[in-house]
């Protein structure tokens, strides 16, 4: 199987989209990133990342949810694809293996 490489911010956006489970669109993803990480990414940064992940086949989107408060405009909702889930699992497994390989004495240095 081909190994995918995704950046750290792409990983966060994928995880947040999975976490929102059907309620992920630009604003909700941006707000959840702020809540979960303390970062304050720009909406355009998040939107561009969502589009890039969709182009890679890791997310898919659907237009839904027209409201009067948005002047009848619909929102583009994103969901993670099976490939996106598989990539997240690979990233987690790689990170877990790396963390497990770090000597305990090195990890204790972070406690001081």
PDB file of N, CA and C in Angstrom:
ATOM      1  N   UNK A   1       0.844  -1.190   0.000  1.00  0.00           N
ATOM      2  CA  UNK A   1       0.000   0.000   0.000  1.00  0.00           C
ATOM      3  C   UNK A   1       0.883   1.245   0.000  1.00  0.00           C
ATOM      4  N   UNK A   2       0.475   2.212  -0.789  1.00  0.00           N
ATOM      5  CA  UNK A   2       1.207   3.468  -0.868  1.00  0.00           C
ATOM      6  C   UNK A   2       1.051   4.257   0.428  1.00  0.00           C
ATOM      7  N   UNK A   3       2.164   4.753   0.951  1.00  0.00           N
ATOM      8  CA  UNK A   3       2.115   5.592   2.139  1.00  0.00           C
ATOM      9  C   UNK A   3       1.808   7.018   1.717  1.00  0.00           C
ATOM     10  N   UNK A   4       0.833   7.614   2.374  1.00  0.00           N
ATOM     11  CA  UNK A   4       0.503   9.010   2.126  1.00  0.00           C
ATOM     12  C   UNK A   4       1.260   9.875   3.098  1.00  0.00           C
ATOM     13  N   UNK A   5       1.533  11.066   2.684  1.00  0.00           N
ATOM     14  CA  UNK A   5       2.158  12.031   3.568  1.00  0.00           C
ATOM     15  C   UNK A   5       1.223  13.226   3.685  1.00  0.00           C
ATOM     16  N   UNK A   6       0.827  13.540   4.899  1.00  0.00           N
ATOM     17  CA  UNK A   6       0.014  14.723   5.113  1.00  0.00           C
ATOM     18  C   UNK A   6       0.707  15.593   6.141  1.00  0.00           C
ATOM     19  N   UNK A   7       0.481  16.877   6.022  1.00  0.00           N
ATOM     20  CA  UNK A   7       1.076  17.817   6.952  1.00  0.00           C
ATOM     21  C   UNK A   7       0.334  17.817   8.280  1.00  0.00           C
ATOM     22  N   UNK A   8       0.959  18.430   9.269  1.00  0.00           N
ATOM     23  CA  UNK A   8       0.373  18.462  10.605  1.00  0.00           C
ATOM     24  C   UNK A   8      -0.970  19.181  10.621  1.00  0.00           C
ATOM     25  N   UNK A   9      -1.086  20.299   9.879  1.00  0.00           N
ATOM     26  CA  UNK A   9      -2.368  21.014   9.858  1.00  0.00           C
ATOM     27  C   UNK A   9      -3.433  20.203   9.119  1.00  0.00           C
ATOM     28  N   UNK A  10      -3.031  19.507   8.062  1.00  0.00           N
ATOM     29  CA  UNK A  10      -3.980  18.634   7.361  1.00  0.00           C
ATOM     30  C   UNK A  10      -4.475  17.531   8.302  1.00  0.00           C
ATOM     31  N   UNK A  11      -3.573  17.000   9.101  1.00  0.00           N
ATOM     32  CA  UNK A  11      -3.967  15.968  10.076  1.00  0.00           C
ATOM     33  C   UNK A  11      -4.999  16.528  11.048  1.00  0.00           C
ATOM     34  N   UNK A  12      -4.760  17.736  11.541  1.00  0.00           N
ATOM     35  CA  UNK A  12      -5.709  18.353  12.475  1.00  0.00           C
ATOM     36  C   UNK A  12      -7.066  18.553  11.809  1.00  0.00           C
ATOM     37  N   UNK A  13      -7.069  19.050  10.587  1.00  0.00           N
ATOM     38  CA  UNK A  13      -8.343  19.280   9.885  1.00  0.00           C
ATOM     39  C   UNK A  13      -9.072  17.959   9.647  1.00  0.00           C
ATOM     40  N   UNK A  14      -8.339  16.919   9.283  1.00  0.00           N
ATOM     41  CA  UNK A  14      -8.967  15.596   9.114  1.00  0.00           C
ATOM     42  C   UNK A  14      -9.565  15.104  10.427  1.00  0.00           C
ATOM     43  N   UNK A  15      -8.801  15.234  11.503  1.00  0.00           N
ATOM     44  CA  UNK A  15      -9.294  14.779  12.809  1.00  0.00           C
ATOM     45  C   UNK A  15     -10.527  15.576  13.244  1.00  0.00           C
ATOM     46  N   UNK A  16     -10.498  16.872  13.043  1.00  0.00           N
ATOM     47  CA  UNK A  16     -11.644  17.703  13.435  1.00  0.00           C
ATOM     48  C   UNK A  16     -12.866  17.361  12.588  1.00  0.00           C
ATOM     49  N   UNK A  17     -12.653  17.147  11.296  1.00  0.00           N
ATOM     50  CA  UNK A  17     -13.772  16.768  10.425  1.00  0.00           C
ATOM     51  C   UNK A  17     -14.372  15.443  10.882  1.00  0.00           C
ATOM     52  N   UNK A  18     -13.529  14.495  11.219  1.00  0.00           N
ATOM     53  CA  UNK A  18     -14.023  13.210  11.735  1.00  0.00           C
ATOM     54  C   UNK A  18     -14.758  13.416  13.053  1.00  0.00           C
ATOM     55  N   UNK A  19     -14.188  14.254  13.924  1.00  0.00           N
ATOM     56  CA  UNK A  19     -14.789  14.529  15.237  1.00  0.00           C
ATOM     57  C   UNK A  19     -16.171  15.168  15.094  1.00  0.00           C
ATOM     58  N   UNK A  20     -16.335  16.056  14.117  1.00  0.00           N
ATOM     59  CA  UNK A  20     -17.615  16.749  13.931  1.00  0.00           C
ATOM     60  C   UNK A  20     -18.679  15.846  13.306  1.00  0.00           C
ATOM     61  N   UNK A  21     -18.260  14.736  12.717  1.00  0.00           N
ATOM     62  CA  UNK A  21     -19.151  13.662  12.274  1.00  0.00           C
ATOM     63  C   UNK A  21     -20.436  14.168  11.582  1.00  0.00           C
ATOM     64  N   UNK A  22     -20.247  14.767  10.416  1.00  0.00           N
ATOM     65  CA  UNK A  22     -21.394  15.203   9.620  1.00  0.00           C
ATOM     66  C   UNK A  22     -21.757  16.669   9.808  1.00  0.00           C
ATOM     67  N   UNK A  23     -21.141  17.348  10.742  1.00  0.00           N
ATOM     68  CA  UNK A  23     -21.429  18.767  11.005  1.00  0.00           C
ATOM     69  C   UNK A  23     -20.234  19.649  10.658  1.00  0.00           C
ATOM     70  N   UNK A  24     -19.349  19.154   9.800  1.00  0.00           N
ATOM     71  CA  UNK A  24     -18.119  19.894   9.480  1.00  0.00           C
ATOM     72  C   UNK A  24     -18.305  20.769   8.244  1.00  0.00           C
ATOM     73  N   UNK A  25     -18.238  22.054   8.423  1.00  0.00           N
ATOM     74  CA  UNK A  25     -18.126  23.005   7.321  1.00  0.00           C
ATOM     75  C   UNK A  25     -17.133  24.062   7.781  1.00  0.00           C
ATOM     76  N   UNK A  26     -16.779  24.977   6.921  1.00  0.00           N
ATOM     77  CA  UNK A  26     -15.684  25.897   7.200  1.00  0.00           C
ATOM     78  C   UNK A  26     -15.694  26.519   8.586  1.00  0.00           C
ATOM     79  N   UNK A  27     -16.824  27.062   8.982  1.00  0.00           N
ATOM     80  CA  UNK A  27     -16.906  27.758  10.272  1.00  0.00           C
ATOM     81  C   UNK A  27     -16.776  26.783  11.438  1.00  0.00           C
ATOM     82  N   UNK A  28     -17.492  25.662  11.384  1.00  0.00           N
ATOM     83  CA  UNK A  28     -17.431  24.726  12.520  1.00  0.00           C
ATOM     84  C   UNK A  28     -16.029  24.123  12.661  1.00  0.00           C
ATOM     85  N   UNK A  29     -15.379  23.856  11.533  1.00  0.00           N
ATOM     86  CA  UNK A  29     -14.016  23.307  11.603  1.00  0.00           C
ATOM     87  C   UNK A  29     -13.076  24.349  12.199  1.00  0.00           C
ATOM     88  N   UNK A  30     -13.196  25.600  11.758  1.00  0.00           N
ATOM     89  CA  UNK A  30     -12.342  26.671  12.279  1.00  0.00           C
ATOM     90  C   UNK A  30     -12.529  26.836  13.790  1.00  0.00           C
ATOM     91  N   UNK A  31     -13.787  26.891  14.229  1.00  0.00           N
ATOM     92  CA  UNK A  31     -14.067  27.068  15.662  1.00  0.00           C
ATOM     93  C   UNK A  31     -13.585  25.876  16.486  1.00  0.00           C
ATOM     94  N   UNK A  32     -13.733  24.678  15.946  1.00  0.00           N
ATOM     95  CA  UNK A  32     -13.306  23.487  16.689  1.00  0.00           C
ATOM     96  C   UNK A  32     -11.785  23.422  16.783  1.00  0.00           C
ATOM     97  N   UNK A  33     -11.086  23.853  15.739  1.00  0.00           N
ATOM     98  CA  UNK A  33      -9.620  23.906  15.813  1.00  0.00           C
ATOM     99  C   UNK A  33      -9.206  24.866  16.925  1.00  0.00           C
ATOM    100  N   UNK A  34      -9.860  26.017  16.989  1.00  0.00           N
ATOM    101  CA  UNK A  34      -9.547  26.981  18.054  1.00  0.00           C
ATOM    102  C   UNK A  34      -9.803  26.367  19.423  1.00  0.00           C
ATOM    103  N   UNK A  35     -10.936  25.714  19.564  1.00  0.00           N
ATOM    104  CA  UNK A  35     -11.316  25.113  20.856  1.00  0.00           C
ATOM    105  C   UNK A  35     -10.361  23.995  21.267  1.00  0.00           C
ATOM    106  N   UNK A  36      -9.999  23.132  20.328  1.00  0.00           N
ATOM    107  CA  UNK A  36      -9.196  21.953  20.656  1.00  0.00           C
ATOM    108  C   UNK A  36      -7.703  22.218  20.740  1.00  0.00           C
ATOM    109  N   UNK A  37      -7.206  23.209  19.986  1.00  0.00           N
ATOM    110  CA  UNK A  37      -5.755  23.416  19.926  1.00  0.00           C
ATOM    111  C   UNK A  37      -5.291  24.776  20.441  1.00  0.00           C
ATOM    112  N   UNK A  38      -6.214  25.726  20.556  1.00  0.00           N
ATOM    113  CA  UNK A  38      -5.819  27.071  20.957  1.00  0.00           C
ATOM    114  C   UNK A  38      -5.303  27.905  19.789  1.00  0.00           C
ATOM    115  N   UNK A  39      -5.173  27.288  18.641  1.00  0.00           N
ATOM    116  CA  UNK A  39      -4.754  28.017  17.438  1.00  0.00           C
ATOM    117  C   UNK A  39      -5.929  28.833  16.917  1.00  0.00           C
ATOM    118  N   UNK A  40      -5.602  29.873  16.171  1.00  0.00           N
ATOM    119  CA  UNK A  40      -6.650  30.670  15.555  1.00  0.00           C
ATOM    120  C   UNK A  40      -6.379  30.759  14.049  1.00  0.00           C
ATOM    121  N   UNK A  41      -6.658  29.667  13.349  1.00  0.00           N
ATOM    122  CA  UNK A  41      -6.404  29.682  11.906  1.00  0.00           C
ATOM    123  C   UNK A  41      -7.406  30.573  11.197  1.00  0.00           C
ATOM    124  N   UNK A  42      -6.985  31.188  10.121  1.00  0.00           N
ATOM    125  CA  UNK A  42      -7.894  31.988   9.321  1.00  0.00           C
ATOM    126  C   UNK A  42      -8.879  31.086   8.590  1.00  0.00           C
ATOM    127  N   UNK A  43     -10.056  31.621   8.348  1.00  0.00           N
ATOM    128  CA  UNK A  43     -11.075  30.837   7.659  1.00  0.00           C
ATOM    129  C   UNK A  43     -10.564  30.389   6.291  1.00  0.00           C
ATOM    130  N   UNK A  44      -9.865  31.269   5.579  1.00  0.00           N
ATOM    131  CA  UNK A  44      -9.363  30.904   4.251  1.00  0.00           C
ATOM    132  C   UNK A  44      -8.362  29.760   4.322  1.00  0.00           C
ATOM    133  N   UNK A  45      -7.542  29.741   5.368  1.00  0.00           N
ATOM    134  CA  UNK A  45      -6.582  28.654   5.547  1.00  0.00           C
ATOM    135  C   UNK A  45      -7.308  27.327   5.732  1.00  0.00           C
ATOM    136  N   UNK A  46      -8.339  27.350   6.563  1.00  0.00           N
ATOM    137  CA  UNK A  46      -9.108  26.127   6.809  1.00  0.00           C
ATOM    138  C   UNK A  46      -9.826  25.695   5.532  1.00  0.00           C
ATOM    139  N   UNK A  47     -10.459  26.647   4.866  1.00  0.00           N
ATOM    140  CA  UNK A  47     -11.209  26.312   3.655  1.00  0.00           C
ATOM    141  C   UNK A  47     -10.281  25.745   2.575  1.00  0.00           C
ATOM    142  N   UNK A  48      -9.123  26.354   2.387  1.00  0.00           N
ATOM    143  CA  UNK A  48      -8.161  25.855   1.402  1.00  0.00           C
ATOM    144  C   UNK A  48      -7.710  24.437   1.753  1.00  0.00           C
ATOM    145  N   UNK A  49      -7.492  24.192   3.039  1.00  0.00           N
ATOM    146  CA  UNK A  49      -7.070  22.853   3.471  1.00  0.00           C
ATOM    147  C   UNK A  49      -8.179  21.829   3.240  1.00  0.00           C
ATOM    148  N   UNK A  50      -9.419  22.219   3.549  1.00  0.00           N
ATOM    149  CA  UNK A  50     -10.541  21.312   3.297  1.00  0.00           C
ATOM    150  C   UNK A  50     -10.610  20.951   1.811  1.00  0.00           C
ATOM    151  N   UNK A  51     -10.463  21.943   0.946  1.00  0.00           N
ATOM    152  CA  UNK A  51     -10.513  21.687  -0.499  1.00  0.00           C
ATOM    153  C   UNK A  51      -9.356  20.792  -0.942  1.00  0.00           C
ATOM    154  N   UNK A  52      -8.153  21.058  -0.396  1.00  0.00           N
ATOM    155  CA  UNK A  52      -6.984  20.255  -0.773  1.00  0.00           C
ATOM    156  C   UNK A  52      -7.180  18.793  -0.346  1.00  0.00           C
ATOM    157  N   UNK A  53      -7.721  18.592   0.854  1.00  0.00           N
ATOM    158  CA  UNK A  53      -7.958  17.230   1.329  1.00  0.00           C
ATOM    159  C   UNK A  53      -9.030  16.530   0.487  1.00  0.00           C
ATOM    160  N   UNK A  54      -9.995  17.301   0.011  1.00  0.00           N
ATOM    161  CA  UNK A  54     -11.007  16.714  -0.872  1.00  0.00           C
ATOM    162  C   UNK A  54     -10.374  16.326  -2.213  1.00  0.00           C
ATOM    163  N   UNK A  55      -9.495  17.172  -2.737  1.00  0.00           N
ATOM    164  CA  UNK A  55      -8.808  16.846  -3.993  1.00  0.00           C
ATOM    165  C   UNK A  55      -7.960  15.589  -3.853  1.00  0.00           C
ATOM    166  N   UNK A  56      -7.428  15.354  -2.667  1.00  0.00           N
ATOM    167  CA  UNK A  56      -6.619  14.157  -2.413  1.00  0.00           C
ATOM    168  C   UNK A  56      -7.475  12.917  -2.184  1.00  0.00           C
ATOM    169  N   UNK A  57      -8.800  13.114  -2.083  1.00  0.00           N
ATOM    170  CA  UNK A  57      -9.700  11.987  -1.853  1.00  0.00           C
ATOM    171  C   UNK A  57      -9.845  11.605  -0.397  1.00  0.00           C
ATOM    172  N   UNK A  58      -9.360  12.461   0.503  1.00  0.00           N
ATOM    173  CA  UNK A  58      -9.435  12.149   1.935  1.00  0.00           C
ATOM    174  C   UNK A  58     -10.714  12.688   2.571  1.00  0.00           C
ATOM    175  N   UNK A  59     -11.342  13.645   1.906  1.00  0.00           N
ATOM    176  CA  UNK A  59     -12.634  14.191   2.333  1.00  0.00           C
ATOM    177  C   UNK A  59     -13.554  14.226   1.122  1.00  0.00           C
ATOM    178  N   UNK A  60     -14.848  14.268   1.382  1.00  0.00           N
ATOM    179  CA  UNK A  60     -15.825  14.535   0.331  1.00  0.00           C
ATOM    180  C   UNK A  60     -16.783  15.580   0.868  1.00  0.00           C
ATOM    181  N   UNK A  61     -17.429  16.310  -0.048  1.00  0.00           N
ATOM    182  CA  UNK A  61     -18.311  17.388   0.402  1.00  0.00           C
ATOM    183  C   UNK A  61     -19.655  17.324  -0.295  1.00  0.00           C
ATOM    184  N   UNK A  62     -20.573  18.028   0.333  1.00  0.00           N
ATOM    185  CA  UNK A  62     -21.939  18.086  -0.187  1.00  0.00           C
ATOM    186  C   UNK A  62     -22.514  19.437   0.211  1.00  0.00           C
ATOM    187  N   UNK A  63     -23.200  20.092  -0.729  1.00  0.00           N
ATOM    188  CA  UNK A  63     -23.847  21.366  -0.420  1.00  0.00           C
ATOM    189  C   UNK A  63     -25.186  21.090   0.262  1.00  0.00           C
ATOM    190  N   UNK A  64     -25.388  21.719   1.426  1.00  0.00           N
ATOM    191  CA  UNK A  64     -26.630  21.522   2.183  1.00  0.00           C
ATOM    192  C   UNK A  64     -26.873  22.749   3.058  1.00  0.00           C
ATOM    193  N   UNK A  65     -28.019  22.772   3.690  1.00  0.00           N
ATOM    194  CA  UNK A  65     -28.267  23.671   4.794  1.00  0.00           C
ATOM    195  C   UNK A  65     -28.485  25.133   4.463  1.00  0.00           C
ATOM    196  N   UNK A  66     -29.247  25.447   3.415  1.00  0.00           N
ATOM    197  CA  UNK A  66     -29.558  26.846   3.133  1.00  0.00           C
ATOM    198  C   UNK A  66     -30.403  27.416   4.263  1.00  0.00           C
ATOM    199  N   UNK A  67     -30.020  28.591   4.754  1.00  0.00           N
ATOM    200  CA  UNK A  67     -30.789  29.227   5.817  1.00  0.00           C
ATOM    201  C   UNK A  67     -31.068  30.681   5.440  1.00  0.00           C
ATOM    202  N   UNK A  68     -32.109  31.213   6.039  1.00  0.00           N
ATOM    203  CA  UNK A  68     -32.447  32.614   5.763  1.00  0.00           C
ATOM    204  C   UNK A  68     -31.378  33.542   6.341  1.00  0.00           C
ATOM    205  N   UNK A  69     -30.766  33.131   7.477  1.00  0.00           N
ATOM    206  CA  UNK A  69     -29.731  33.985   8.081  1.00  0.00           C
ATOM    207  C   UNK A  69     -28.505  34.098   7.187  1.00  0.00           C
ATOM    208  N   UNK A  70     -28.318  33.138   6.300  1.00  0.00           N
ATOM    209  CA  UNK A  70     -27.215  33.185   5.343  1.00  0.00           C
ATOM    210  C   UNK A  70     -27.696  33.678   3.982  1.00  0.00           C
ATOM    211  N   UNK A  71     -28.872  34.302   3.953  1.00  0.00           N
ATOM    212  CA  UNK A  71     -29.395  34.828   2.701  1.00  0.00           C
ATOM    213  C   UNK A  71     -29.720  33.739   1.699  1.00  0.00           C
ATOM    214  N   UNK A  72     -30.066  32.568   2.209  1.00  0.00           N
ATOM    215  CA  UNK A  72     -30.420  31.459   1.336  1.00  0.00           C
ATOM    216  C   UNK A  72     -29.229  30.702   0.783  1.00  0.00           C
ATOM    217  N   UNK A  73     -28.013  31.116   1.178  1.00  0.00           N
ATOM    218  CA  UNK A  73     -26.817  30.408   0.698  1.00  0.00           C
ATOM    219  C   UNK A  73     -26.669  29.086   1.435  1.00  0.00           C
ATOM    220  N   UNK A  74     -26.206  28.108   0.718  1.00  0.00           N
ATOM    221  CA  UNK A  74     -26.000  26.802   1.329  1.00  0.00           C
ATOM    222  C   UNK A  74     -24.579  26.689   1.875  1.00  0.00           C
ATOM    223  N   UNK A  75     -24.377  25.706   2.741  1.00  0.00           N
ATOM    224  CA  UNK A  75     -23.051  25.438   3.306  1.00  0.00           C
ATOM    225  C   UNK A  75     -22.494  24.176   2.666  1.00  0.00           C
ATOM    226  N   UNK A  76     -21.165  24.121   2.530  1.00  0.00           N
ATOM    227  CA  UNK A  76     -20.511  22.913   2.021  1.00  0.00           C
ATOM    228  C   UNK A  76     -20.054  22.095   3.226  1.00  0.00           C
ATOM    229  N   UNK A  77     -20.711  20.976   3.427  1.00  0.00           N
ATOM    230  CA  UNK A  77     -20.378  20.084   4.533  1.00  0.00           C
ATOM    231  C   UNK A  77     -19.367  19.039   4.071  1.00  0.00           C
ATOM    232  N   UNK A  78     -18.397  18.760   4.924  1.00  0.00           N
ATOM    233  CA  UNK A  78     -17.344  17.797   4.605  1.00  0.00           C
ATOM    234  C   UNK A  78     -17.457  16.575   5.507  1.00  0.00           C
ATOM    235  N   UNK A  79     -17.170  15.426   4.924  1.00  0.00           N
ATOM    236  CA  UNK A  79     -17.088  14.175   5.691  1.00  0.00           C
ATOM    237  C   UNK A  79     -15.807  13.459   5.284  1.00  0.00           C
ATOM    238  N   UNK A  80     -15.296  12.699   6.204  1.00  0.00           N
ATOM    239  CA  UNK A  80     -14.064  11.966   5.931  1.00  0.00           C
ATOM    240  C   UNK A  80     -14.390  10.714   5.114  1.00  0.00           C
ATOM    241  N   UNK A  81     -13.522  10.389   4.180  1.00  0.00           N
ATOM    242  CA  UNK A  81     -13.721   9.203   3.338  1.00  0.00           C
ATOM    243  C   UNK A  81     -13.034   7.995   3.988  1.00  0.00           C
ATOM    244  N   UNK A  82     -13.335   6.798   3.507  1.00  0.00           N
ATOM    245  CA  UNK A  82     -12.610   5.625   4.019  1.00  0.00           C
ATOM    246  C   UNK A  82     -11.091   5.770   3.842  1.00  0.00           C
ATOM    247  N   UNK A  83     -10.657   6.362   2.716  1.00  0.00           N
ATOM    248  CA  UNK A  83      -9.226   6.592   2.523  1.00  0.00           C
ATOM    249  C   UNK A  83      -8.695   7.572   3.570  1.00  0.00           C
ATOM    250  N   UNK A  84      -9.460   8.625   3.864  1.00  0.00           N
ATOM    251  CA  UNK A  84      -9.049   9.579   4.904  1.00  0.00           C
ATOM    252  C   UNK A  84      -8.905   8.895   6.260  1.00  0.00           C
ATOM    253  N   UNK A  85      -9.855   8.003   6.584  1.00  0.00           N
ATOM    254  CA  UNK A  85      -9.766   7.254   7.857  1.00  0.00           C
ATOM    255  C   UNK A  85      -8.518   6.378   7.866  1.00  0.00           C
ATOM    256  N   UNK A  86      -8.241   5.742   6.738  1.00  0.00           N
ATOM    257  CA  UNK A  86      -7.067   4.867   6.675  1.00  0.00           C
ATOM    258  C   UNK A  86      -5.776   5.677   6.841  1.00  0.00           C
ATOM    259  N   UNK A  87      -5.734   6.852   6.234  1.00  0.00           N
ATOM    260  CA  UNK A  87      -4.540   7.698   6.364  1.00  0.00           C
ATOM    261  C   UNK A  87      -4.361   8.153   7.807  1.00  0.00           C
ATOM    262  N   UNK A  88      -5.454   8.540   8.457  1.00  0.00           N
ATOM    263  CA  UNK A  88      -5.345   8.936   9.867  1.00  0.00           C
ATOM    264  C   UNK A  88      -4.813   7.779  10.710  1.00  0.00           C
ATOM    265  N   UNK A  89      -5.276   6.570  10.435  1.00  0.00           N
ATOM    266  CA  UNK A  89      -4.815   5.388  11.192  1.00  0.00           C
ATOM    267  C   UNK A  89      -3.320   5.185  10.968  1.00  0.00           C
ATOM    268  N   UNK A  90      -2.866   5.347   9.720  1.00  0.00           N
ATOM    269  CA  UNK A  90      -1.437   5.188   9.428  1.00  0.00           C
ATOM    270  C   UNK A  90      -0.611   6.243  10.165  1.00  0.00           C
ATOM    271  N   UNK A  91      -1.099   7.478  10.159  1.00  0.00           N
ATOM    272  CA  UNK A  91      -0.385   8.560  10.848  1.00  0.00           C
ATOM    273  C   UNK A  91      -0.306   8.248  12.341  1.00  0.00           C
ATOM    274  N   UNK A  92      -1.419   7.812  12.923  1.00  0.00           N
ATOM    275  CA  UNK A  92      -1.437   7.489  14.358  1.00  0.00           C
ATOM    276  C   UNK A  92      -0.484   6.333  14.666  1.00  0.00           C
ATOM    277  N   UNK A  93      -0.537   5.286  13.856  1.00  0.00           N
ATOM    278  CA  UNK A  93       0.338   4.129  14.086  1.00  0.00           C
ATOM    279  C   UNK A  93       1.814   4.530  14.003  1.00  0.00           C
ATOM    280  N   UNK A  94       2.143   5.370  13.017  1.00  0.00           N
ATOM    281  CA  UNK A  94       3.523   5.837  12.879  1.00  0.00           C
ATOM    282  C   UNK A  94       3.939   6.653  14.096  1.00  0.00           C
ATOM    283  N   UNK A  95       3.080   7.573  14.518  1.00  0.00           N
ATOM    284  CA  UNK A  95       3.400   8.390  15.704  1.00  0.00           C
ATOM    285  C   UNK A  95       3.520   7.529  16.958  1.00  0.00           C
ATOM    286  N   UNK A  96       2.590   6.600  17.140  1.00  0.00           N
ATOM    287  CA  UNK A  96       2.643   5.714  18.314  1.00  0.00           C
ATOM    288  C   UNK A  96       3.954   4.930  18.345  1.00  0.00           C
ATOM    289  N   UNK A  97       4.358   4.403  17.166  1.00  0.00           N
ATOM    290  CA  UNK A  97       5.603   3.627  17.105  1.00  0.00           C
ATOM    291  C   UNK A  97       6.806   4.515  17.433  1.00  0.00           C
ATOM    292  N   UNK A  98       6.797   5.739  16.927  1.00  0.00           N
ATOM    293  CA  UNK A  98       7.907   6.648  17.224  1.00  0.00           C
ATOM    294  C   UNK A  98       7.952   6.994  18.710  1.00  0.00           C
ATOM    295  N   UNK A  99       6.783   7.310  19.294  1.00  0.00           N
ATOM    296  CA  UNK A  99       6.737   7.635  20.724  1.00  0.00           C
ATOM    297  C   UNK A  99       7.202   6.454  21.569  1.00  0.00           C
ATOM    298  N   UNK A 100       6.806   5.245  21.173  1.00  0.00           N
ATOM    299  CA  UNK A 100       7.201   4.049  21.927  1.00  0.00           C
ATOM    300  C   UNK A 100       8.701   3.800  21.842  1.00  0.00           C
ATOM    301  N   UNK A 101       9.352   4.297  20.790  1.00  0.00           N
ATOM    302  CA  UNK A 101      10.781   4.065  20.613  1.00  0.00           C
ATOM    303  C   UNK A 101      11.660   5.081  21.350  1.00  0.00           C
ATOM    304  N   UNK A 102      11.058   6.139  21.876  1.00  0.00           N
ATOM    305  CA  UNK A 102      11.839   7.151  22.596  1.00  0.00           C
ATOM    306  C   UNK A 102      12.181   6.607  23.985  1.00  0.00           C
ATOM    307  N   UNK A 103      13.453   6.630  24.361  1.00  0.00           N
ATOM    308  CA  UNK A 103      13.832   6.124  25.691  1.00  0.00           C
ATOM    309  C   UNK A 103      13.074   6.870  26.808  1.00  0.00           C
ATOM    310  N   UNK A 104      12.682   6.111  27.829  1.00  0.00           N
ATOM    311  CA  UNK A 104      11.900   6.679  28.939  1.00  0.00           C
ATOM    312  C   UNK A 104      12.642   7.831  29.614  1.00  0.00           C
ATOM    313  N   UNK A 105      13.978   7.718  29.704  1.00  0.00           N
ATOM    314  CA  UNK A 105      14.730   8.787  30.364  1.00  0.00           C
ATOM    315  C   UNK A 105      14.605  10.102  29.607  1.00  0.00           C
ATOM    316  N   UNK A 106      14.449  10.046  28.307  1.00  0.00           N
ATOM    317  CA  UNK A 106      14.269  11.255  27.510  1.00  0.00           C
ATOM    318  C   UNK A 106      12.897  11.862  27.793  1.00  0.00           C
ATOM    319  N   UNK A 107      11.881  11.012  27.880  1.00  0.00           N
ATOM    320  CA  UNK A 107      10.535  11.510  28.165  1.00  0.00           C
ATOM    321  C   UNK A 107      10.456  12.138  29.554  1.00  0.00           C
ATOM    322  N   UNK A 108      11.230  11.591  30.504  1.00  0.00           N
ATOM    323  CA  UNK A 108      11.230  12.150  31.869  1.00  0.00           C
ATOM    324  C   UNK A 108      11.817  13.557  31.893  1.00  0.00           C
ATOM    325  N   UNK A 109      12.701  13.879  30.961  1.00  0.00           N
ATOM    326  CA  UNK A 109      13.269  15.225  30.898  1.00  0.00           C
ATOM    327  C   UNK A 109      12.177  16.275  30.682  1.00  0.00           C
ATOM    328  N   UNK A 110      11.123  15.892  29.997  1.00  0.00           N
ATOM    329  CA  UNK A 110      10.023  16.825  29.739  1.00  0.00           C
ATOM    330  C   UNK A 110       9.226  17.115  31.001  1.00  0.00           C
ATOM    331  N   UNK A 111       9.341  16.255  32.008  1.00  0.00           N
ATOM    332  CA  UNK A 111       8.605  16.428  33.261  1.00  0.00           C
ATOM    333  C   UNK A 111       9.264  17.471  34.154  1.00  0.00           C
ATOM    334  N   UNK A 112      10.507  17.769  33.900  1.00  0.00           N
ATOM    335  CA  UNK A 112      11.221  18.731  34.758  1.00  0.00           C
ATOM    336  C   UNK A 112      11.012  20.163  34.319  1.00  0.00           C
TER     337      UNK A 112
END
